C-alpha cells in the first residue's frame, strides 16, 4: 500500500494523502488499531 501510494501521489507535500490512502486500504482488509497501524 505504501508503494502504491508513492505511485499514485507523486507531487511533493502529499504525505497526508499518502498516509490516509494506506490507512483506509489496510483498515478495509485488516482489523487493527489506528495506533498500531500508524506504527
ModelCIF file with pLDDT and N, C-alpha, C, O atoms, coordinates in Angstrom:
data_MODEL
#
_entry.id   MODEL 
#
_entity.id                         1 
_entity.type                       polymer 
_entity.pdbx_number_of_molecules   1 
#
_entity_poly.entity_id                      1 
_entity_poly.type                           'polypeptide(L)' 
_entity_poly.nstd_linkage                   no 
_entity_poly.nstd_monomer                   no 
_entity_poly.pdbx_seq_one_letter_code       
;(UNK)(UNK)(UNK)(UNK)(UNK)(UNK)(UNK)(UNK)(UNK)(UNK)(UNK)(UNK)(UNK)(UNK)(UNK)(UNK)
(UNK)(UNK)(UNK)(UNK)(UNK)(UNK)(UNK)(UNK)(UNK)(UNK)(UNK)(UNK)(UNK)(UNK)(UNK)(UNK)
(UNK)(UNK)(UNK)(UNK)(UNK)(UNK)(UNK)
;
_entity_poly.pdbx_seq_one_letter_code_can   XXXXXXXXXXXXXXXXXXXXXXXXXXXXXXXXXXXXXXX 
_entity_poly.pdbx_strand_id                 A 
#
loop_
_entity_poly_seq.entity_id 
_entity_poly_seq.num 
_entity_poly_seq.mon_id 
_entity_poly_seq.hetero 
1 1  UNK n 
1 2  UNK n 
1 3  UNK n 
1 4  UNK n 
1 5  UNK n 
1 6  UNK n 
1 7  UNK n 
1 8  UNK n 
1 9  UNK n 
1 10 UNK n 
1 11 UNK n 
1 12 UNK n 
1 13 UNK n 
1 14 UNK n 
1 15 UNK n 
1 16 UNK n 
1 17 UNK n 
1 18 UNK n 
1 19 UNK n 
1 20 UNK n 
1 21 UNK n 
1 22 UNK n 
1 23 UNK n 
1 24 UNK n 
1 25 UNK n 
1 26 UNK n 
1 27 UNK n 
1 28 UNK n 
1 29 UNK n 
1 30 UNK n 
1 31 UNK n 
1 32 UNK n 
1 33 UNK n 
1 34 UNK n 
1 35 UNK n 
1 36 UNK n 
1 37 UNK n 
1 38 UNK n 
1 39 UNK n 
#
_struct_asym.id          A 
_struct_asym.entity_id   1 
#
loop_
_ma_qa_metric.id 
_ma_qa_metric.mode 
_ma_qa_metric.name 
_ma_qa_metric.software_group_id 
_ma_qa_metric.type 
1 global pLDDT . pLDDT 
2 local  pLDDT . pLDDT 
#
_ma_qa_metric_global.metric_id      1 
_ma_qa_metric_global.metric_value   94.05 
_ma_qa_metric_global.model_id       1 
_ma_qa_metric_global.ordinal_id     1 
#
loop_
_ma_qa_metric_local.label_asym_id 
_ma_qa_metric_local.label_comp_id 
_ma_qa_metric_local.label_seq_id 
_ma_qa_metric_local.metric_id 
_ma_qa_metric_local.metric_value 
_ma_qa_metric_local.model_id 
_ma_qa_metric_local.ordinal_id 
A UNK 1  2 96.00 1 1  
A UNK 2  2 95.00 1 2  
A UNK 3  2 95.00 1 3  
A UNK 4  2 96.00 1 4  
A UNK 5  2 96.00 1 5  
A UNK 6  2 94.00 1 6  
A UNK 7  2 95.00 1 7  
A UNK 8  2 97.00 1 8  
A UNK 9  2 96.00 1 9  
A UNK 10 2 94.00 1 10 
A UNK 11 2 94.00 1 11 
A UNK 12 2 93.00 1 12 
A UNK 13 2 95.00 1 13 
A UNK 14 2 96.00 1 14 
A UNK 15 2 94.00 1 15 
A UNK 16 2 96.00 1 16 
A UNK 17 2 96.00 1 17 
A UNK 18 2 96.00 1 18 
A UNK 19 2 96.00 1 19 
A UNK 20 2 96.00 1 20 
A UNK 21 2 97.00 1 21 
A UNK 22 2 97.00 1 22 
A UNK 23 2 96.00 1 23 
A UNK 24 2 96.00 1 24 
A UNK 25 2 96.00 1 25 
A UNK 26 2 94.00 1 26 
A UNK 27 2 95.00 1 27 
A UNK 28 2 95.00 1 28 
A UNK 29 2 92.00 1 29 
A UNK 30 2 90.00 1 30 
A UNK 31 2 88.00 1 31 
A UNK 32 2 88.00 1 32 
A UNK 33 2 91.00 1 33 
A UNK 34 2 92.00 1 34 
A UNK 35 2 91.00 1 35 
A UNK 36 2 89.00 1 36 
A UNK 37 2 92.00 1 37 
A UNK 38 2 92.00 1 38 
A UNK 39 2 91.00 1 39 
#
loop_
_atom_site.group_PDB 
_atom_site.id 
_atom_site.type_symbol 
_atom_site.label_atom_id 
_atom_site.label_alt_id 
_atom_site.label_comp_id 
_atom_site.label_asym_id 
_atom_site.label_entity_id 
_atom_site.label_seq_id 
_atom_site.pdbx_PDB_ins_code 
_atom_site.Cartn_x 
_atom_site.Cartn_y 
_atom_site.Cartn_z 
_atom_site.occupancy 
_atom_site.B_iso_or_equiv 
_atom_site.pdbx_formal_charge 
_atom_site.auth_seq_id 
_atom_site.auth_comp_id 
_atom_site.auth_asym_id 
_atom_site.auth_atom_id 
_atom_site.pdbx_PDB_model_num 
ATOM 1   N N  . UNK A 1 1  ? 0.824   -1.211 0.000  1.00 96.00 ? 1  UNK A N  1 
ATOM 2   C CA . UNK A 1 1  ? 0.000   0.000  0.000  1.00 96.00 ? 1  UNK A CA 1 
ATOM 3   C C  . UNK A 1 1  ? 0.860   1.263  0.000  1.00 96.00 ? 1  UNK A C  1 
ATOM 4   O O  . UNK A 1 1  ? 0.522   2.240  -0.669 1.00 96.00 ? 1  UNK A O  1 
ATOM 5   N N  . UNK A 1 2  ? 1.966   1.254  0.743  1.00 95.00 ? 2  UNK A N  1 
ATOM 6   C CA . UNK A 1 2  ? 2.874   2.405  0.758  1.00 95.00 ? 2  UNK A CA 1 
ATOM 7   C C  . UNK A 1 2  ? 3.473   2.613  -0.632 1.00 95.00 ? 2  UNK A C  1 
ATOM 8   O O  . UNK A 1 2  ? 3.539   3.744  -1.115 1.00 95.00 ? 2  UNK A O  1 
ATOM 9   N N  . UNK A 1 3  ? 3.901   1.549  -1.263 1.00 95.00 ? 3  UNK A N  1 
ATOM 10  C CA . UNK A 1 3  ? 4.449   1.671  -2.615 1.00 95.00 ? 3  UNK A CA 1 
ATOM 11  C C  . UNK A 1 3  ? 3.394   2.161  -3.600 1.00 95.00 ? 3  UNK A C  1 
ATOM 12  O O  . UNK A 1 3  ? 3.693   2.963  -4.484 1.00 95.00 ? 3  UNK A O  1 
ATOM 13  N N  . UNK A 1 4  ? 2.165   1.683  -3.450 1.00 96.00 ? 4  UNK A N  1 
ATOM 14  C CA . UNK A 1 4  ? 1.079   2.150  -4.317 1.00 96.00 ? 4  UNK A CA 1 
ATOM 15  C C  . UNK A 1 4  ? 0.818   3.639  -4.096 1.00 96.00 ? 4  UNK A C  1 
ATOM 16  O O  . UNK A 1 4  ? 0.631   4.384  -5.058 1.00 96.00 ? 4  UNK A O  1 
ATOM 17  N N  . UNK A 1 5  ? 0.804   4.070  -2.855 1.00 96.00 ? 5  UNK A N  1 
ATOM 18  C CA . UNK A 1 5  ? 0.584   5.489  -2.561 1.00 96.00 ? 5  UNK A CA 1 
ATOM 19  C C  . UNK A 1 5  ? 1.694   6.349  -3.157 1.00 96.00 ? 5  UNK A C  1 
ATOM 20  O O  . UNK A 1 5  ? 1.438   7.453  -3.639 1.00 96.00 ? 5  UNK A O  1 
ATOM 21  N N  . UNK A 1 6  ? 2.912   5.848  -3.125 1.00 94.00 ? 6  UNK A N  1 
ATOM 22  C CA . UNK A 1 6  ? 4.034   6.576  -3.723 1.00 94.00 ? 6  UNK A CA 1 
ATOM 23  C C  . UNK A 1 6  ? 3.831   6.761  -5.229 1.00 94.00 ? 6  UNK A C  1 
ATOM 24  O O  . UNK A 1 6  ? 4.223   7.787  -5.784 1.00 94.00 ? 6  UNK A O  1 
ATOM 25  N N  . UNK A 1 7  ? 3.231   5.789  -5.880 1.00 95.00 ? 7  UNK A N  1 
ATOM 26  C CA . UNK A 1 7  ? 2.983   5.873  -7.321 1.00 95.00 ? 7  UNK A CA 1 
ATOM 27  C C  . UNK A 1 7  ? 1.773   6.742  -7.646 1.00 95.00 ? 7  UNK A C  1 
ATOM 28  O O  . UNK A 1 7  ? 1.755   7.431  -8.666 1.00 95.00 ? 7  UNK A O  1 
ATOM 29  N N  . UNK A 1 8  ? 0.764   6.708  -6.779 1.00 97.00 ? 8  UNK A N  1 
ATOM 30  C CA . UNK A 1 8  ? -0.464  7.464  -7.021 1.00 97.00 ? 8  UNK A CA 1 
ATOM 31  C C  . UNK A 1 8  ? -0.277  8.949  -6.739 1.00 97.00 ? 8  UNK A C  1 
ATOM 32  O O  . UNK A 1 8  ? -0.682  9.795  -7.535 1.00 97.00 ? 8  UNK A O  1 
ATOM 33  N N  . UNK A 1 9  ? 0.336   9.259  -5.602 1.00 96.00 ? 9  UNK A N  1 
ATOM 34  C CA . UNK A 1 9  ? 0.518   10.646 -5.176 1.00 96.00 ? 9  UNK A CA 1 
ATOM 35  C C  . UNK A 1 9  ? 1.968   11.043 -5.408 1.00 96.00 ? 9  UNK A C  1 
ATOM 36  O O  . UNK A 1 9  ? 2.813   10.878 -4.529 1.00 96.00 ? 9  UNK A O  1 
ATOM 37  N N  . UNK A 1 10 ? 2.248   11.561 -6.585 1.00 94.00 ? 10 UNK A N  1 
ATOM 38  C CA . UNK A 1 10 ? 3.630   11.823 -6.981 1.00 94.00 ? 10 UNK A CA 1 
ATOM 39  C C  . UNK A 1 10 ? 4.097   13.234 -6.665 1.00 94.00 ? 10 UNK A C  1 
ATOM 40  O O  . UNK A 1 10 ? 5.298   13.504 -6.690 1.00 94.00 ? 10 UNK A O  1 
ATOM 41  N N  . UNK A 1 11 ? 3.177   14.133 -6.370 1.00 94.00 ? 11 UNK A N  1 
ATOM 42  C CA . UNK A 1 11 ? 3.571   15.509 -6.087 1.00 94.00 ? 11 UNK A CA 1 
ATOM 43  C C  . UNK A 1 11 ? 4.146   15.635 -4.681 1.00 94.00 ? 11 UNK A C  1 
ATOM 44  O O  . UNK A 1 11 ? 3.790   14.890 -3.768 1.00 94.00 ? 11 UNK A O  1 
ATOM 45  N N  . UNK A 1 12 ? 5.038   16.595 -4.540 1.00 93.00 ? 12 UNK A N  1 
ATOM 46  C CA . UNK A 1 12 ? 5.642   16.864 -3.237 1.00 93.00 ? 12 UNK A CA 1 
ATOM 47  C C  . UNK A 1 12 ? 4.588   17.398 -2.265 1.00 93.00 ? 12 UNK A C  1 
ATOM 48  O O  . UNK A 1 12 ? 3.656   18.093 -2.670 1.00 93.00 ? 12 UNK A O  1 
ATOM 49  N N  . UNK A 1 13 ? 4.741   17.072 -0.997 1.00 95.00 ? 13 UNK A N  1 
ATOM 50  C CA . UNK A 1 13 ? 3.845   17.591 0.037  1.00 95.00 ? 13 UNK A CA 1 
ATOM 51  C C  . UNK A 1 13 ? 2.534   16.834 0.172  1.00 95.00 ? 13 UNK A C  1 
ATOM 52  O O  . UNK A 1 13 ? 1.583   17.358 0.752  1.00 95.00 ? 13 UNK A O  1 
ATOM 53  N N  . UNK A 1 14 ? 2.459   15.640 -0.339 1.00 96.00 ? 14 UNK A N  1 
ATOM 54  C CA . UNK A 1 14 ? 1.214   14.873 -0.273 1.00 96.00 ? 14 UNK A CA 1 
ATOM 55  C C  . UNK A 1 14 ? 1.286   13.737 0.746  1.00 96.00 ? 14 UNK A C  1 
ATOM 56  O O  . UNK A 1 14 ? 0.596   12.726 0.614  1.00 96.00 ? 14 UNK A O  1 
ATOM 57  N N  . UNK A 1 15 ? 2.124   13.917 1.758  1.00 94.00 ? 15 UNK A N  1 
ATOM 58  C CA . UNK A 1 15 ? 2.295   12.880 2.776  1.00 94.00 ? 15 UNK A CA 1 
ATOM 59  C C  . UNK A 1 15 ? 1.006   12.507 3.482  1.00 94.00 ? 15 UNK A C  1 
ATOM 60  O O  . UNK A 1 15 ? 0.756   11.331 3.748  1.00 94.00 ? 15 UNK A O  1 
ATOM 61  N N  . UNK A 1 16 ? 0.184   13.509 3.788  1.00 96.00 ? 16 UNK A N  1 
ATOM 62  C CA . UNK A 1 16 ? -1.079  13.227 4.486  1.00 96.00 ? 16 UNK A CA 1 
ATOM 63  C C  . UNK A 1 16 ? -2.003  12.391 3.605  1.00 96.00 ? 16 UNK A C  1 
ATOM 64  O O  . UNK A 1 16 ? -2.642  11.455 4.086  1.00 96.00 ? 16 UNK A O  1 
ATOM 65  N N  . UNK A 1 17 ? -2.075  12.722 2.332  1.00 96.00 ? 17 UNK A N  1 
ATOM 66  C CA . UNK A 1 17 ? -2.914  11.960 1.410  1.00 96.00 ? 17 UNK A CA 1 
ATOM 67  C C  . UNK A 1 17 ? -2.406  10.521 1.271  1.00 96.00 ? 17 UNK A C  1 
ATOM 68  O O  . UNK A 1 17 ? -3.194  9.576  1.226  1.00 96.00 ? 17 UNK A O  1 
ATOM 69  N N  . UNK A 1 18 ? -1.082  10.372 1.205  1.00 96.00 ? 18 UNK A N  1 
ATOM 70  C CA . UNK A 1 18 ? -0.494  9.033  1.116  1.00 96.00 ? 18 UNK A CA 1 
ATOM 71  C C  . UNK A 1 18 ? -0.838  8.217  2.357  1.00 96.00 ? 18 UNK A C  1 
ATOM 72  O O  . UNK A 1 18 ? -1.243  7.058  2.260  1.00 96.00 ? 18 UNK A O  1 
ATOM 73  N N  . UNK A 1 19 ? -0.673  8.835  3.521  1.00 96.00 ? 19 UNK A N  1 
ATOM 74  C CA . UNK A 1 19 ? -0.953  8.144  4.778  1.00 96.00 ? 19 UNK A CA 1 
ATOM 75  C C  . UNK A 1 19 ? -2.417  7.715  4.840  1.00 96.00 ? 19 UNK A C  1 
ATOM 76  O O  . UNK A 1 19 ? -2.717  6.578  5.203  1.00 96.00 ? 19 UNK A O  1 
ATOM 77  N N  . UNK A 1 20 ? -3.327  8.619  4.487  1.00 96.00 ? 20 UNK A N  1 
ATOM 78  C CA . UNK A 1 20 ? -4.751  8.299  4.534  1.00 96.00 ? 20 UNK A CA 1 
ATOM 79  C C  . UNK A 1 20 ? -5.105  7.191  3.548  1.00 96.00 ? 20 UNK A C  1 
ATOM 80  O O  . UNK A 1 20 ? -5.934  6.332  3.850  1.00 96.00 ? 20 UNK A O  1 
ATOM 81  N N  . UNK A 1 21 ? -4.483  7.205  2.373  1.00 97.00 ? 21 UNK A N  1 
ATOM 82  C CA . UNK A 1 21 ? -4.717  6.143  1.393  1.00 97.00 ? 21 UNK A CA 1 
ATOM 83  C C  . UNK A 1 21 ? -4.324  4.787  1.983  1.00 97.00 ? 21 UNK A C  1 
ATOM 84  O O  . UNK A 1 21 ? -5.095  3.829  1.938  1.00 97.00 ? 21 UNK A O  1 
ATOM 85  N N  . UNK A 1 22 ? -3.116  4.726  2.534  1.00 97.00 ? 22 UNK A N  1 
ATOM 86  C CA . UNK A 1 22 ? -2.630  3.466  3.110  1.00 97.00 ? 22 UNK A CA 1 
ATOM 87  C C  . UNK A 1 22 ? -3.514  3.045  4.279  1.00 97.00 ? 22 UNK A C  1 
ATOM 88  O O  . UNK A 1 22 ? -3.905  1.882  4.382  1.00 97.00 ? 22 UNK A O  1 
ATOM 89  N N  . UNK A 1 23 ? -3.822  3.973  5.141  1.00 96.00 ? 23 UNK A N  1 
ATOM 90  C CA . UNK A 1 23 ? -4.637  3.674  6.319  1.00 96.00 ? 23 UNK A CA 1 
ATOM 91  C C  . UNK A 1 23 ? -6.003  3.108  5.920  1.00 96.00 ? 23 UNK A C  1 
ATOM 92  O O  . UNK A 1 23 ? -6.429  2.085  6.457  1.00 96.00 ? 23 UNK A O  1 
ATOM 93  N N  . UNK A 1 24 ? -6.678  3.753  5.000  1.00 96.00 ? 24 UNK A N  1 
ATOM 94  C CA . UNK A 1 24 ? -8.008  3.293  4.596  1.00 96.00 ? 24 UNK A CA 1 
ATOM 95  C C  . UNK A 1 24 ? -7.953  1.944  3.895  1.00 96.00 ? 24 UNK A C  1 
ATOM 96  O O  . UNK A 1 24 ? -8.817  1.095  4.111  1.00 96.00 ? 24 UNK A O  1 
ATOM 97  N N  . UNK A 1 25 ? -6.937  1.743  3.052  1.00 96.00 ? 25 UNK A N  1 
ATOM 98  C CA . UNK A 1 25 ? -6.827  0.479  2.333  1.00 96.00 ? 25 UNK A CA 1 
ATOM 99  C C  . UNK A 1 25 ? -6.581  -0.676 3.303  1.00 96.00 ? 25 UNK A C  1 
ATOM 100 O O  . UNK A 1 25 ? -7.213  -1.727 3.205  1.00 96.00 ? 25 UNK A O  1 
ATOM 101 N N  . UNK A 1 26 ? -5.656  -0.465 4.238  1.00 94.00 ? 26 UNK A N  1 
ATOM 102 C CA . UNK A 1 26 ? -5.347  -1.522 5.211  1.00 94.00 ? 26 UNK A CA 1 
ATOM 103 C C  . UNK A 1 26 ? -6.535  -1.772 6.133  1.00 94.00 ? 26 UNK A C  1 
ATOM 104 O O  . UNK A 1 26 ? -6.862  -2.924 6.417  1.00 94.00 ? 26 UNK A O  1 
ATOM 105 N N  . UNK A 1 27 ? -7.183  -0.715 6.602  1.00 95.00 ? 27 UNK A N  1 
ATOM 106 C CA . UNK A 1 27 ? -8.324  -0.875 7.512  1.00 95.00 ? 27 UNK A CA 1 
ATOM 107 C C  . UNK A 1 27 ? -9.461  -1.636 6.833  1.00 95.00 ? 27 UNK A C  1 
ATOM 108 O O  . UNK A 1 27 ? -10.253 -2.291 7.511  1.00 95.00 ? 27 UNK A O  1 
ATOM 109 N N  . UNK A 1 28 ? -9.553  -1.558 5.495  1.00 95.00 ? 28 UNK A N  1 
ATOM 110 C CA . UNK A 1 28 ? -10.604 -2.304 4.794  1.00 95.00 ? 28 UNK A CA 1 
ATOM 111 C C  . UNK A 1 28 ? -10.266 -3.793 4.691  1.00 95.00 ? 28 UNK A C  1 
ATOM 112 O O  . UNK A 1 28 ? -11.141 -4.613 4.415  1.00 95.00 ? 28 UNK A O  1 
ATOM 113 N N  . UNK A 1 29 ? -8.994  -4.139 4.914  1.00 92.00 ? 29 UNK A N  1 
ATOM 114 C CA . UNK A 1 29 ? -8.557  -5.531 4.776  1.00 92.00 ? 29 UNK A CA 1 
ATOM 115 C C  . UNK A 1 29 ? -8.268  -6.223 6.109  1.00 92.00 ? 29 UNK A C  1 
ATOM 116 O O  . UNK A 1 29 ? -8.408  -7.440 6.225  1.00 92.00 ? 29 UNK A O  1 
ATOM 117 N N  . UNK A 1 30 ? -7.859  -5.436 7.123  1.00 90.00 ? 30 UNK A N  1 
ATOM 118 C CA . UNK A 1 30 ? -7.424  -5.990 8.408  1.00 90.00 ? 30 UNK A CA 1 
ATOM 119 C C  . UNK A 1 30 ? -8.105  -5.264 9.562  1.00 90.00 ? 30 UNK A C  1 
ATOM 120 O O  . UNK A 1 30 ? -8.454  -4.089 9.449  1.00 90.00 ? 30 UNK A O  1 
ATOM 121 N N  . UNK A 1 31 ? -8.289  -5.963 10.652 1.00 88.00 ? 31 UNK A N  1 
ATOM 122 C CA . UNK A 1 31 ? -8.786  -5.353 11.886 1.00 88.00 ? 31 UNK A CA 1 
ATOM 123 C C  . UNK A 1 31 ? -7.566  -4.999 12.732 1.00 88.00 ? 31 UNK A C  1 
ATOM 124 O O  . UNK A 1 31 ? -6.899  -5.878 13.277 1.00 88.00 ? 31 UNK A O  1 
ATOM 125 N N  . UNK A 1 32 ? -7.283  -3.697 12.835 1.00 88.00 ? 32 UNK A N  1 
ATOM 126 C CA . UNK A 1 32 ? -6.100  -3.244 13.563 1.00 88.00 ? 32 UNK A CA 1 
ATOM 127 C C  . UNK A 1 32 ? -6.375  -1.864 14.143 1.00 88.00 ? 32 UNK A C  1 
ATOM 128 O O  . UNK A 1 32 ? -7.117  -1.077 13.557 1.00 88.00 ? 32 UNK A O  1 
ATOM 129 N N  . UNK A 1 33 ? -5.782  -1.574 15.282 1.00 91.00 ? 33 UNK A N  1 
ATOM 130 C CA . UNK A 1 33 ? -5.985  -0.256 15.895 1.00 91.00 ? 33 UNK A CA 1 
ATOM 131 C C  . UNK A 1 33 ? -5.253  0.809  15.089 1.00 91.00 ? 33 UNK A C  1 
ATOM 132 O O  . UNK A 1 33 ? -4.279  0.519  14.394 1.00 91.00 ? 33 UNK A O  1 
ATOM 133 N N  . UNK A 1 34 ? -5.730  2.032  15.189 1.00 92.00 ? 34 UNK A N  1 
ATOM 134 C CA . UNK A 1 34 ? -5.097  3.146  14.474 1.00 92.00 ? 34 UNK A CA 1 
ATOM 135 C C  . UNK A 1 34 ? -3.649  3.341  14.914 1.00 92.00 ? 34 UNK A C  1 
ATOM 136 O O  . UNK A 1 34 ? -2.780  3.620  14.087 1.00 92.00 ? 34 UNK A O  1 
ATOM 137 N N  . UNK A 1 35 ? -3.391  3.199  16.193 1.00 91.00 ? 35 UNK A N  1 
ATOM 138 C CA . UNK A 1 35 ? -2.033  3.395  16.711 1.00 91.00 ? 35 UNK A CA 1 
ATOM 139 C C  . UNK A 1 35 ? -1.074  2.330  16.177 1.00 91.00 ? 35 UNK A C  1 
ATOM 140 O O  . UNK A 1 35 ? 0.033   2.650  15.743 1.00 91.00 ? 35 UNK A O  1 
ATOM 141 N N  . UNK A 1 36 ? -1.493  1.078  16.210 1.00 89.00 ? 36 UNK A N  1 
ATOM 142 C CA . UNK A 1 36 ? -0.647  0.008  15.679 1.00 89.00 ? 36 UNK A CA 1 
ATOM 143 C C  . UNK A 1 36 ? -0.412  0.185  14.184 1.00 89.00 ? 36 UNK A C  1 
ATOM 144 O O  . UNK A 1 36 ? 0.701   0.000  13.691 1.00 89.00 ? 36 UNK A O  1 
ATOM 145 N N  . UNK A 1 37 ? -1.474  0.545  13.472 1.00 92.00 ? 37 UNK A N  1 
ATOM 146 C CA . UNK A 1 37 ? -1.339  0.748  12.029 1.00 92.00 ? 37 UNK A CA 1 
ATOM 147 C C  . UNK A 1 37 ? -0.398  1.899  11.727 1.00 92.00 ? 37 UNK A C  1 
ATOM 148 O O  . UNK A 1 37 ? 0.424   1.800  10.815 1.00 92.00 ? 37 UNK A O  1 
ATOM 149 N N  . UNK A 1 38 ? -0.502  2.982  12.472 1.00 92.00 ? 38 UNK A N  1 
ATOM 150 C CA . UNK A 1 38 ? 0.396   4.118  12.265 1.00 92.00 ? 38 UNK A CA 1 
ATOM 151 C C  . UNK A 1 38 ? 1.851   3.689  12.434 1.00 92.00 ? 38 UNK A C  1 
ATOM 152 O O  . UNK A 1 38 ? 2.707   4.069  11.635 1.00 92.00 ? 38 UNK A O  1 
ATOM 153 N N  . UNK A 1 39 ? 2.131   2.911  13.454 1.00 91.00 ? 39 UNK A N  1 
ATOM 154 C CA . UNK A 1 39 ? 3.499   2.447  13.691 1.00 91.00 ? 39 UNK A CA 1 
ATOM 155 C C  . UNK A 1 39 ? 4.003   1.550  12.559 1.00 91.00 ? 39 UNK A C  1 
ATOM 156 O O  . UNK A 1 39 ? 5.138   1.076  12.606 1.00 91.00 ? 39 UNK A O  1 
#
